[in-house]
Amino acid sequence: MPMPISRAVRLAVFAMLALVLAGCDLEETIGPGDDRMPNVVGKTATQANIALNERGFPPSYGKQMPFDSDRCRVVVQKSPPGAKVRPYSTQQIRCVVRIPKVVGLSADEADSALEEEGLDPVFDGRRRRGCRVAEREGGPVARPQADIRMKLRC
């Protein structure tokens, strides 16, 4: 006996709502070997590498390869999520790391903190011994291996 249309519509809406509430995202609905691009924005570089390699899409970070893939978060992917892409095509993604707070630290402490994140500290031309970081240029995040410029107060 066929269901009335209104009941079938209600069941379909309920099923879709259940999927949404269960946290089903695009990546979970794409199976291995699928030629659609998963959503990797917001994931760590490690997670993005796994998701892309599982589908045969090697990731490319350009010149800024992450120093620590677990600390680098993906902020841009060239192919949009769900887009059909050629099998084994390299997918360009960009990730950023958080810049640690360095203002007030000694030059050596700031140097260590930045290098631990895979960033390159650049101090103004003054001597470093006994100096503290007075200010830092830039925002809260940077691409891996970025130069982080700081002014010292001695």
N, C-alpha and C. Protein backbone atom coordinates (compact mmCIF):
# COMPACT_ATOMS: atom_id res chain seq x y z
N MET A 1 0.85 -1.18 0.00
CA MET A 1 0.00 0.00 0.00
C MET A 1 0.90 1.25 0.00
N PRO A 2 0.76 2.10 -1.00
CA PRO A 2 1.61 3.29 -1.08
C PRO A 2 1.29 4.28 0.04
N MET A 3 2.37 4.96 0.50
CA MET A 3 2.21 5.97 1.55
C MET A 3 1.63 7.23 0.96
N PRO A 4 0.87 7.94 1.76
CA PRO A 4 0.42 9.25 1.28
C PRO A 4 1.64 10.15 1.07
N ILE A 5 1.55 11.04 0.11
CA ILE A 5 2.68 11.90 -0.23
C ILE A 5 3.11 12.74 0.95
N SER A 6 2.21 13.26 1.71
CA SER A 6 2.59 14.13 2.83
C SER A 6 3.41 13.36 3.86
N ARG A 7 3.11 12.09 4.09
CA ARG A 7 3.87 11.31 5.05
C ARG A 7 5.26 11.01 4.49
N ALA A 8 5.36 10.71 3.19
CA ALA A 8 6.65 10.46 2.56
C ALA A 8 7.53 11.70 2.63
N VAL A 9 6.94 12.86 2.41
CA VAL A 9 7.70 14.11 2.48
C VAL A 9 8.19 14.34 3.91
N ARG A 10 7.31 14.09 4.89
CA ARG A 10 7.73 14.26 6.29
C ARG A 10 8.87 13.32 6.64
N LEU A 11 8.83 12.08 6.17
CA LEU A 11 9.90 11.12 6.45
C LEU A 11 11.21 11.56 5.79
N ALA A 12 11.14 12.06 4.58
CA ALA A 12 12.34 12.53 3.89
C ALA A 12 12.96 13.71 4.62
N VAL A 13 12.12 14.64 5.05
CA VAL A 13 12.62 15.80 5.80
C VAL A 13 13.23 15.34 7.12
N PHE A 14 12.60 14.42 7.79
CA PHE A 14 13.12 13.89 9.05
C PHE A 14 14.48 13.22 8.84
N ALA A 15 14.61 12.44 7.76
CA ALA A 15 15.87 11.75 7.47
C ALA A 15 16.99 12.76 7.20
N MET A 16 16.68 13.82 6.43
CA MET A 16 17.71 14.84 6.15
C MET A 16 18.09 15.58 7.43
N LEU A 17 17.12 15.88 8.26
CA LEU A 17 17.40 16.55 9.52
C LEU A 17 18.26 15.68 10.42
N ALA A 18 18.00 14.39 10.43
CA ALA A 18 18.79 13.46 11.24
C ALA A 18 20.24 13.45 10.77
N LEU A 19 20.46 13.49 9.45
CA LEU A 19 21.82 13.54 8.93
C LEU A 19 22.54 14.81 9.34
N VAL A 20 21.84 15.93 9.27
CA VAL A 20 22.44 17.21 9.64
C VAL A 20 22.78 17.22 11.13
N LEU A 21 21.86 16.78 11.96
CA LEU A 21 22.09 16.78 13.40
C LEU A 21 23.16 15.78 13.81
N ALA A 22 23.35 14.73 13.03
CA ALA A 22 24.36 13.73 13.33
C ALA A 22 25.76 14.23 12.95
N GLY A 23 25.84 15.39 12.34
CA GLY A 23 27.15 15.97 11.99
C GLY A 23 27.69 15.46 10.67
N CYS A 24 26.85 15.00 9.80
CA CYS A 24 27.30 14.52 8.50
C CYS A 24 27.84 15.70 7.71
N ASP A 25 29.11 15.62 7.32
CA ASP A 25 29.66 16.69 6.49
C ASP A 25 30.05 16.13 5.13
N LEU A 26 30.47 17.01 4.25
CA LEU A 26 30.76 16.61 2.89
C LEU A 26 31.83 15.54 2.83
N GLU A 27 32.87 15.66 3.67
CA GLU A 27 33.96 14.71 3.62
C GLU A 27 33.48 13.31 3.97
N GLU A 28 32.54 13.20 4.94
CA GLU A 28 32.06 11.89 5.34
C GLU A 28 31.21 11.26 4.25
N THR A 29 30.59 12.04 3.39
CA THR A 29 29.71 11.48 2.37
C THR A 29 30.47 11.11 1.11
N ILE A 30 31.73 11.51 1.00
CA ILE A 30 32.52 11.18 -0.17
C ILE A 30 33.34 9.94 0.16
N GLY A 31 33.20 8.92 -0.62
CA GLY A 31 33.91 7.67 -0.37
C GLY A 31 35.30 7.68 -0.96
N PRO A 32 36.13 6.69 -0.56
CA PRO A 32 37.48 6.59 -1.11
C PRO A 32 37.44 6.36 -2.62
N GLY A 33 38.37 6.95 -3.33
CA GLY A 33 38.41 6.80 -4.78
C GLY A 33 37.45 7.72 -5.51
N ASP A 34 36.69 8.48 -4.77
CA ASP A 34 35.76 9.43 -5.37
C ASP A 34 36.57 10.56 -5.99
N ASP A 35 36.08 11.14 -7.08
CA ASP A 35 36.82 12.21 -7.73
C ASP A 35 36.33 13.59 -7.33
N ARG A 36 35.66 13.67 -6.17
CA ARG A 36 35.22 14.97 -5.65
C ARG A 36 36.16 15.42 -4.55
N MET A 37 36.38 16.72 -4.50
CA MET A 37 37.30 17.32 -3.54
C MET A 37 36.66 17.37 -2.15
N PRO A 38 37.37 16.84 -1.13
CA PRO A 38 36.85 16.96 0.23
C PRO A 38 37.06 18.37 0.77
N ASN A 39 36.35 18.71 1.82
CA ASN A 39 36.54 20.01 2.48
C ASN A 39 37.64 19.85 3.52
N VAL A 40 38.76 20.55 3.34
CA VAL A 40 39.88 20.44 4.27
C VAL A 40 40.15 21.76 5.00
N VAL A 41 39.39 22.81 4.70
CA VAL A 41 39.58 24.10 5.37
C VAL A 41 39.24 23.93 6.85
N GLY A 42 40.13 24.42 7.72
CA GLY A 42 39.93 24.32 9.16
C GLY A 42 40.62 23.11 9.76
N LYS A 43 41.04 22.18 8.94
CA LYS A 43 41.72 20.99 9.43
C LYS A 43 43.21 21.29 9.56
N THR A 44 43.90 20.46 10.34
CA THR A 44 45.35 20.60 10.39
C THR A 44 45.92 20.11 9.07
N ALA A 45 47.15 20.49 8.79
CA ALA A 45 47.79 20.04 7.55
C ALA A 45 47.89 18.52 7.54
N THR A 46 48.11 17.90 8.69
CA THR A 46 48.17 16.44 8.78
C THR A 46 46.84 15.83 8.36
N GLN A 47 45.74 16.35 8.91
CA GLN A 47 44.41 15.84 8.56
C GLN A 47 44.11 16.05 7.08
N ALA A 48 44.49 17.21 6.55
CA ALA A 48 44.26 17.51 5.14
C ALA A 48 45.07 16.56 4.25
N ASN A 49 46.32 16.31 4.63
CA ASN A 49 47.16 15.38 3.87
C ASN A 49 46.50 14.01 3.79
N ILE A 50 46.01 13.52 4.92
CA ILE A 50 45.37 12.20 4.96
C ILE A 50 44.12 12.19 4.08
N ALA A 51 43.25 13.20 4.25
CA ALA A 51 41.99 13.24 3.49
C ALA A 51 42.25 13.31 1.99
N LEU A 52 43.24 14.10 1.58
CA LEU A 52 43.53 14.24 0.15
C LEU A 52 44.22 13.01 -0.41
N ASN A 53 45.20 12.49 0.32
CA ASN A 53 45.92 11.31 -0.17
C ASN A 53 45.02 10.08 -0.25
N GLU A 54 44.04 9.97 0.65
CA GLU A 54 43.10 8.85 0.59
C GLU A 54 42.32 8.84 -0.72
N ARG A 55 42.11 10.00 -1.29
CA ARG A 55 41.37 10.11 -2.55
C ARG A 55 42.28 10.23 -3.76
N GLY A 56 43.59 10.13 -3.53
CA GLY A 56 44.54 10.18 -4.63
C GLY A 56 44.86 11.58 -5.12
N PHE A 57 44.66 12.58 -4.24
CA PHE A 57 44.96 13.97 -4.60
C PHE A 57 46.12 14.45 -3.73
N PRO A 58 47.36 14.38 -4.19
CA PRO A 58 48.47 14.85 -3.36
C PRO A 58 48.37 16.36 -3.12
N PRO A 59 48.56 16.80 -1.86
CA PRO A 59 48.49 18.24 -1.57
C PRO A 59 49.79 18.96 -1.93
N SER A 60 49.66 20.24 -2.25
CA SER A 60 50.81 21.09 -2.51
C SER A 60 50.66 22.35 -1.67
N TYR A 61 51.68 22.67 -0.91
CA TYR A 61 51.67 23.87 -0.06
C TYR A 61 52.47 25.00 -0.69
N GLY A 62 52.99 24.80 -1.88
CA GLY A 62 53.82 25.82 -2.50
C GLY A 62 55.16 25.91 -1.80
N LYS A 63 55.67 27.11 -1.66
CA LYS A 63 56.98 27.30 -1.04
C LYS A 63 56.93 27.20 0.49
N GLN A 64 55.73 27.32 1.07
CA GLN A 64 55.61 27.34 2.52
C GLN A 64 55.15 25.98 3.05
N MET A 65 56.04 24.98 3.01
CA MET A 65 55.72 23.67 3.56
C MET A 65 55.67 23.78 5.08
N PRO A 66 54.62 23.25 5.73
CA PRO A 66 54.51 23.38 7.18
C PRO A 66 55.66 22.70 7.90
N PHE A 67 56.20 23.39 8.91
CA PHE A 67 57.27 22.85 9.75
C PHE A 67 56.69 21.76 10.64
N ASP A 68 55.52 22.01 11.21
CA ASP A 68 54.81 21.06 12.06
C ASP A 68 53.38 20.97 11.53
N SER A 69 53.08 19.88 10.86
CA SER A 69 51.78 19.73 10.19
C SER A 69 50.60 19.72 11.15
N ASP A 70 50.84 19.41 12.43
CA ASP A 70 49.74 19.40 13.40
C ASP A 70 49.40 20.80 13.90
N ARG A 71 50.31 21.75 13.75
CA ARG A 71 50.06 23.12 14.20
C ARG A 71 49.56 24.03 13.10
N CYS A 72 49.70 23.59 11.87
CA CYS A 72 49.33 24.41 10.72
C CYS A 72 47.89 24.10 10.32
N ARG A 73 47.03 25.13 10.27
CA ARG A 73 45.61 24.96 9.91
C ARG A 73 45.38 25.43 8.49
N VAL A 74 44.63 24.64 7.73
CA VAL A 74 44.32 24.97 6.34
C VAL A 74 43.31 26.12 6.32
N VAL A 75 43.62 27.16 5.55
CA VAL A 75 42.73 28.33 5.43
C VAL A 75 42.21 28.50 4.01
N VAL A 76 42.88 27.90 3.01
CA VAL A 76 42.45 28.03 1.62
C VAL A 76 42.70 26.71 0.91
N GLN A 77 41.72 26.30 0.11
CA GLN A 77 41.93 25.19 -0.82
C GLN A 77 41.48 25.67 -2.19
N LYS A 78 42.30 25.40 -3.21
CA LYS A 78 42.01 25.95 -4.54
C LYS A 78 40.73 25.35 -5.14
N SER A 79 40.58 24.03 -5.09
CA SER A 79 39.36 23.40 -5.61
C SER A 79 38.30 23.41 -4.51
N PRO A 80 37.12 23.90 -4.80
CA PRO A 80 36.08 23.98 -3.77
C PRO A 80 35.60 22.58 -3.35
N PRO A 81 35.12 22.45 -2.11
CA PRO A 81 34.61 21.16 -1.64
C PRO A 81 33.50 20.64 -2.56
N GLY A 82 33.59 19.36 -2.88
CA GLY A 82 32.58 18.73 -3.72
C GLY A 82 32.85 18.85 -5.21
N ALA A 83 33.83 19.68 -5.60
CA ALA A 83 34.15 19.85 -7.03
C ALA A 83 34.78 18.57 -7.57
N LYS A 84 34.45 18.24 -8.80
CA LYS A 84 35.08 17.08 -9.45
C LYS A 84 36.48 17.49 -9.88
N VAL A 85 37.47 16.69 -9.52
CA VAL A 85 38.86 16.97 -9.88
C VAL A 85 39.46 15.73 -10.56
N ARG A 86 40.47 15.98 -11.37
CA ARG A 86 41.13 14.87 -12.08
C ARG A 86 41.80 13.94 -11.08
N PRO A 87 41.68 12.64 -11.26
CA PRO A 87 42.39 11.71 -10.38
C PRO A 87 43.89 11.97 -10.39
N TYR A 88 44.50 11.88 -9.24
CA TYR A 88 45.94 12.06 -9.03
C TYR A 88 46.42 13.47 -9.33
N SER A 89 45.51 14.44 -9.40
CA SER A 89 45.93 15.83 -9.63
C SER A 89 46.35 16.44 -8.30
N THR A 90 47.40 17.24 -8.35
CA THR A 90 47.89 17.91 -7.15
C THR A 90 46.93 19.02 -6.78
N GLN A 91 46.58 19.09 -5.51
CA GLN A 91 45.64 20.09 -5.02
C GLN A 91 46.36 21.13 -4.18
N GLN A 92 46.21 22.38 -4.55
CA GLN A 92 46.89 23.47 -3.84
C GLN A 92 46.08 23.87 -2.62
N ILE A 93 46.76 23.86 -1.48
CA ILE A 93 46.15 24.32 -0.24
C ILE A 93 47.13 25.22 0.48
N ARG A 94 46.62 26.07 1.35
CA ARG A 94 47.46 26.98 2.13
C ARG A 94 47.09 26.83 3.59
N CYS A 95 48.10 26.80 4.43
CA CYS A 95 47.83 26.73 5.86
C CYS A 95 48.60 27.83 6.58
N VAL A 96 48.16 28.11 7.80
CA VAL A 96 48.80 29.14 8.62
C VAL A 96 49.02 28.59 10.03
N VAL A 97 49.99 29.19 10.71
CA VAL A 97 50.25 28.85 12.12
C VAL A 97 49.99 30.09 12.97
N ARG A 98 49.65 29.85 14.21
CA ARG A 98 49.47 30.96 15.15
C ARG A 98 50.85 31.49 15.54
N ILE A 99 50.94 32.81 15.62
CA ILE A 99 52.19 33.43 16.05
C ILE A 99 52.13 33.54 17.58
N PRO A 100 53.11 32.98 18.28
CA PRO A 100 53.08 33.08 19.74
C PRO A 100 53.28 34.52 20.20
N LYS A 101 52.81 34.81 21.40
CA LYS A 101 53.00 36.15 21.97
C LYS A 101 54.46 36.28 22.37
N VAL A 102 55.11 37.29 21.80
CA VAL A 102 56.54 37.48 22.04
C VAL A 102 56.87 38.83 22.65
N VAL A 103 55.93 39.76 22.63
CA VAL A 103 56.21 41.09 23.19
C VAL A 103 56.47 40.93 24.69
N GLY A 104 57.60 41.49 25.14
CA GLY A 104 57.99 41.39 26.54
C GLY A 104 58.99 40.28 26.80
N LEU A 105 59.11 39.34 25.88
CA LEU A 105 60.09 38.25 26.04
C LEU A 105 61.48 38.76 25.69
N SER A 106 62.49 38.07 26.20
CA SER A 106 63.85 38.39 25.78
C SER A 106 63.99 38.00 24.31
N ALA A 107 65.00 38.56 23.66
CA ALA A 107 65.21 38.25 22.24
C ALA A 107 65.42 36.75 22.05
N ASP A 108 66.17 36.13 22.95
CA ASP A 108 66.42 34.69 22.83
C ASP A 108 65.16 33.87 23.04
N GLU A 109 64.32 34.26 24.01
CA GLU A 109 63.05 33.55 24.24
C GLU A 109 62.12 33.68 23.04
N ALA A 110 62.04 34.88 22.47
CA ALA A 110 61.20 35.10 21.30
C ALA A 110 61.72 34.30 20.11
N ASP A 111 63.02 34.27 19.95
CA ASP A 111 63.65 33.51 18.88
C ASP A 111 63.25 32.04 18.98
N SER A 112 63.36 31.46 20.17
CA SER A 112 63.01 30.05 20.38
C SER A 112 61.53 29.78 20.15
N ALA A 113 60.67 30.66 20.67
CA ALA A 113 59.22 30.48 20.54
C ALA A 113 58.79 30.50 19.07
N LEU A 114 59.35 31.41 18.31
CA LEU A 114 58.99 31.52 16.89
C LEU A 114 59.53 30.34 16.08
N GLU A 115 60.77 29.97 16.34
CA GLU A 115 61.35 28.85 15.60
C GLU A 115 60.62 27.54 15.91
N GLU A 116 60.11 27.39 17.13
CA GLU A 116 59.34 26.20 17.50
C GLU A 116 58.07 26.08 16.65
N GLU A 117 57.51 27.21 16.23
CA GLU A 117 56.32 27.23 15.39
C GLU A 117 56.66 27.16 13.90
N GLY A 118 57.95 27.10 13.57
CA GLY A 118 58.34 27.05 12.16
C GLY A 118 58.38 28.42 11.51
N LEU A 119 58.54 29.46 12.31
CA LEU A 119 58.59 30.83 11.80
C LEU A 119 60.02 31.36 11.91
N ASP A 120 60.34 32.35 11.10
CA ASP A 120 61.69 32.90 11.08
C ASP A 120 61.72 34.27 11.76
N PRO A 121 62.35 34.35 12.94
CA PRO A 121 62.43 35.64 13.63
C PRO A 121 63.42 36.58 12.94
N VAL A 122 63.00 37.84 12.81
CA VAL A 122 63.87 38.88 12.23
C VAL A 122 63.82 40.06 13.19
N PHE A 123 64.98 40.38 13.77
CA PHE A 123 65.06 41.50 14.72
C PHE A 123 65.63 42.72 14.01
N ASP A 124 65.26 43.91 14.54
CA ASP A 124 65.87 45.11 13.98
C ASP A 124 67.38 45.02 14.21
N GLY A 125 68.16 45.86 13.60
CA GLY A 125 69.60 45.73 13.55
C GLY A 125 70.37 45.91 14.85
N ARG A 126 69.70 46.03 15.96
CA ARG A 126 70.41 46.27 17.22
C ARG A 126 71.00 45.00 17.82
N ARG A 127 71.77 45.21 18.88
CA ARG A 127 72.30 44.06 19.60
C ARG A 127 71.16 43.32 20.27
N ARG A 128 71.34 42.04 20.56
CA ARG A 128 70.26 41.23 21.13
C ARG A 128 70.45 40.94 22.61
N ARG A 129 71.67 40.88 23.07
CA ARG A 129 71.94 40.50 24.46
C ARG A 129 71.31 41.52 25.41
N GLY A 130 70.47 41.02 26.33
CA GLY A 130 69.83 41.87 27.31
C GLY A 130 68.63 42.65 26.79
N CYS A 131 68.24 42.43 25.56
CA CYS A 131 67.11 43.17 24.97
C CYS A 131 65.82 42.36 25.06
N ARG A 132 64.69 43.10 25.07
CA ARG A 132 63.36 42.47 25.08
C ARG A 132 62.59 42.95 23.85
N VAL A 133 61.62 42.13 23.44
CA VAL A 133 60.81 42.49 22.28
C VAL A 133 59.84 43.59 22.69
N ALA A 134 59.89 44.72 21.99
CA ALA A 134 59.02 45.86 22.29
C ALA A 134 57.75 45.80 21.44
N GLU A 135 57.87 45.38 20.20
CA GLU A 135 56.68 45.25 19.34
C GLU A 135 56.97 44.25 18.24
N ARG A 136 55.86 43.71 17.69
CA ARG A 136 55.95 42.74 16.60
C ARG A 136 55.02 43.18 15.50
N GLU A 137 55.47 43.04 14.26
CA GLU A 137 54.64 43.38 13.11
C GLU A 137 53.72 42.21 12.76
N GLY A 138 52.59 42.51 12.12
CA GLY A 138 51.72 41.48 11.59
C GLY A 138 50.57 41.10 12.50
N GLY A 139 49.76 40.16 12.02
CA GLY A 139 48.56 39.72 12.73
C GLY A 139 48.82 38.50 13.59
N PRO A 140 47.76 37.80 13.97
CA PRO A 140 47.88 36.66 14.89
C PRO A 140 48.34 35.36 14.22
N VAL A 141 48.29 35.29 12.87
CA VAL A 141 48.71 34.08 12.17
C VAL A 141 49.63 34.45 11.02
N ALA A 142 50.39 33.44 10.56
CA ALA A 142 51.30 33.65 9.43
C ALA A 142 51.48 32.33 8.69
N ARG A 143 51.92 32.43 7.46
CA ARG A 143 52.24 31.24 6.69
C ARG A 143 53.49 30.59 7.28
N PRO A 144 53.65 29.28 7.13
CA PRO A 144 54.87 28.64 7.63
C PRO A 144 56.11 29.28 7.03
N GLN A 145 57.15 29.33 7.83
CA GLN A 145 58.45 29.88 7.45
C GLN A 145 58.43 31.37 7.17
N ALA A 146 57.38 32.06 7.58
CA ALA A 146 57.30 33.50 7.35
C ALA A 146 58.30 34.23 8.25
N ASP A 147 58.77 35.37 7.75
CA ASP A 147 59.62 36.24 8.56
C ASP A 147 58.73 37.02 9.52
N ILE A 148 59.05 36.97 10.80
CA ILE A 148 58.31 37.72 11.81
C ILE A 148 59.24 38.83 12.30
N ARG A 149 58.90 40.06 11.94
CA ARG A 149 59.76 41.21 12.24
C ARG A 149 59.41 41.79 13.60
N MET A 150 60.45 42.06 14.40
CA MET A 150 60.26 42.58 15.76
C MET A 150 61.24 43.70 16.03
N LYS A 151 60.79 44.63 16.89
CA LYS A 151 61.67 45.69 17.36
C LYS A 151 62.01 45.39 18.81
N LEU A 152 63.27 45.62 19.12
CA LEU A 152 63.76 45.36 20.47
C LEU A 152 63.92 46.63 21.29
N ARG A 153 63.79 46.48 22.61
CA ARG A 153 64.08 47.56 23.54
C ARG A 153 65.18 47.05 24.45
N CYS A 154 66.28 47.78 24.49
CA CYS A 154 67.43 47.34 25.29
C CYS A 154 67.63 48.19 26.53
